[in-house]
Protein backbone atom coordinates (compact mmCIF):
# COMPACT_ATOMS: atom_id res chain seq x y z
CA MET A 1 -48.30 -193.71 -96.57
CA ALA A 2 -50.37 -190.66 -96.90
CA THR A 3 -51.08 -188.25 -94.09
CA THR A 4 -54.14 -185.81 -94.02
CA MET A 5 -53.38 -182.26 -93.26
CA GLY A 6 -55.84 -179.42 -93.17
CA VAL A 7 -55.39 -175.95 -94.54
CA LYS A 8 -57.59 -172.95 -94.04
CA LEU A 9 -58.22 -171.01 -97.13
CA ASP A 10 -60.13 -167.70 -97.79
CA ASP A 11 -63.35 -167.91 -99.75
CA GLU A 12 -61.79 -166.38 -102.80
CA THR A 13 -58.94 -168.84 -103.01
CA CYS A 14 -61.19 -171.74 -102.40
CA ALA A 15 -63.44 -170.53 -105.21
CA ARG A 16 -60.40 -170.12 -107.54
CA LEU A 17 -59.26 -173.57 -106.71
CA LYS A 18 -62.72 -175.08 -107.54
CA SER A 19 -62.96 -173.13 -110.86
CA LEU A 20 -59.66 -174.04 -111.97
CA GLY A 21 -60.28 -177.63 -111.04
CA ALA A 22 -63.37 -177.60 -113.04
CA LEU A 23 -61.57 -176.19 -116.08
CA LYS A 24 -58.72 -178.80 -115.72
CA ARG A 25 -61.16 -181.60 -114.76
CA ARG A 26 -59.15 -182.04 -111.68
CA SER A 27 -60.17 -181.84 -108.00
CA ALA A 28 -59.02 -179.01 -105.64
CA HIS A 29 -57.18 -181.51 -103.70
CA TRP A 30 -55.19 -182.58 -106.84
CA LEU A 31 -54.27 -178.98 -107.60
CA MET A 32 -53.15 -178.23 -103.95
CA ARG A 33 -50.96 -181.37 -103.91
CA GLU A 34 -49.44 -180.54 -107.30
CA ALA A 35 -48.84 -176.88 -106.27
CA ILE A 36 -47.31 -177.84 -102.81
CA GLY A 37 -45.01 -180.39 -104.56
CA GLU A 38 -43.79 -177.85 -107.13
CA TYR A 39 -43.27 -175.24 -104.39
CA LEU A 40 -41.20 -177.70 -102.23
CA ASP A 41 -39.18 -178.61 -105.33
CA LYS A 42 -38.37 -175.01 -106.10
CA GLU A 43 -37.51 -173.99 -102.49
CA GLU A 44 -35.33 -177.09 -101.84
CA LEU A 45 -33.44 -176.37 -104.98
CA ALA A 46 -33.06 -172.75 -103.76
CA GLU A 47 -31.65 -173.99 -100.49
CA VAL A 48 -29.15 -176.38 -102.29
CA ARG A 49 -27.98 -173.37 -104.51
CA ASN A 50 -27.67 -171.09 -101.46
CA ARG A 51 -25.64 -173.61 -99.61
CA GLU A 52 -23.41 -174.14 -102.65
CA ALA A 53 -22.93 -170.43 -103.05
CA ASP A 54 -21.97 -170.12 -99.37
CA GLU A 55 -19.58 -173.03 -99.78
CA ALA A 56 -17.99 -171.53 -102.89
CA TRP A 57 -17.55 -168.05 -101.11
CA GLU A 58 -15.95 -169.83 -98.11
CA ALA A 59 -13.45 -171.71 -100.43
CA TYR A 60 -12.69 -168.41 -102.26
CA GLN A 61 -12.10 -166.69 -98.87
CA ARG A 62 -9.88 -169.58 -97.75
CA THR A 63 -7.92 -170.16 -101.08
CA GLY A 64 -8.28 -167.02 -103.15
CA GLU A 65 -8.79 -169.22 -106.22
CA PHE A 66 -11.36 -168.03 -108.88
CA ILE A 67 -12.34 -168.15 -112.57
CA THR A 68 -13.13 -164.87 -114.34
CA ASN A 69 -16.45 -164.32 -115.77
CA GLU A 70 -14.71 -163.72 -119.16
CA ALA A 71 -13.05 -167.14 -119.05
CA MET A 72 -16.29 -169.03 -118.00
CA THR A 73 -18.29 -167.22 -120.61
CA ALA A 74 -15.74 -167.95 -123.34
CA TRP A 75 -15.89 -171.67 -122.20
CA PHE A 76 -19.63 -171.82 -122.17
CA ASP A 77 -19.79 -170.37 -125.67
CA THR A 78 -17.86 -173.48 -126.86
CA TRP A 79 -20.16 -176.01 -125.24
CA GLY A 80 -21.60 -178.48 -127.80
CA THR A 81 -19.03 -177.41 -130.51
CA SER A 82 -16.12 -179.37 -131.77
CA GLU A 83 -13.75 -176.60 -130.23
CA GLU A 84 -14.78 -177.22 -126.64
CA PRO A 85 -11.66 -176.99 -124.52
CA PRO A 86 -11.28 -178.28 -120.97
CA ALA A 87 -12.62 -176.14 -118.19
CA PRO A 88 -10.65 -172.89 -117.61
CA GLU A 89 -7.87 -173.04 -114.90
CA THR A 90 -8.53 -171.23 -111.61
CA GLU A 91 -6.55 -167.98 -110.87
CA CYS A 92 -5.32 -166.73 -107.61
CA ARG A 93 -6.09 -163.29 -106.17
CA GLY A 94 -3.02 -161.22 -106.05
């Protein structure tokens, strides 16, 4: 099901949409729908990452467990090679 929503655009933005639509052989409506979809995807992913970062920080504060940047970088450098070891072990703050 689709719902119609209105958006007020200034004249310059409207002209840009129409111009780009003509170049791409797409309607202004299609361009707006695509732009809104991409924006929502990006912002929703950012919110998930923010939540995961908050959860990781809370876990670190609770347990003190961490993996050093050096250990992670060394592990990442082996990805896709025959020498890829298991993930690094966590350490605990002293």
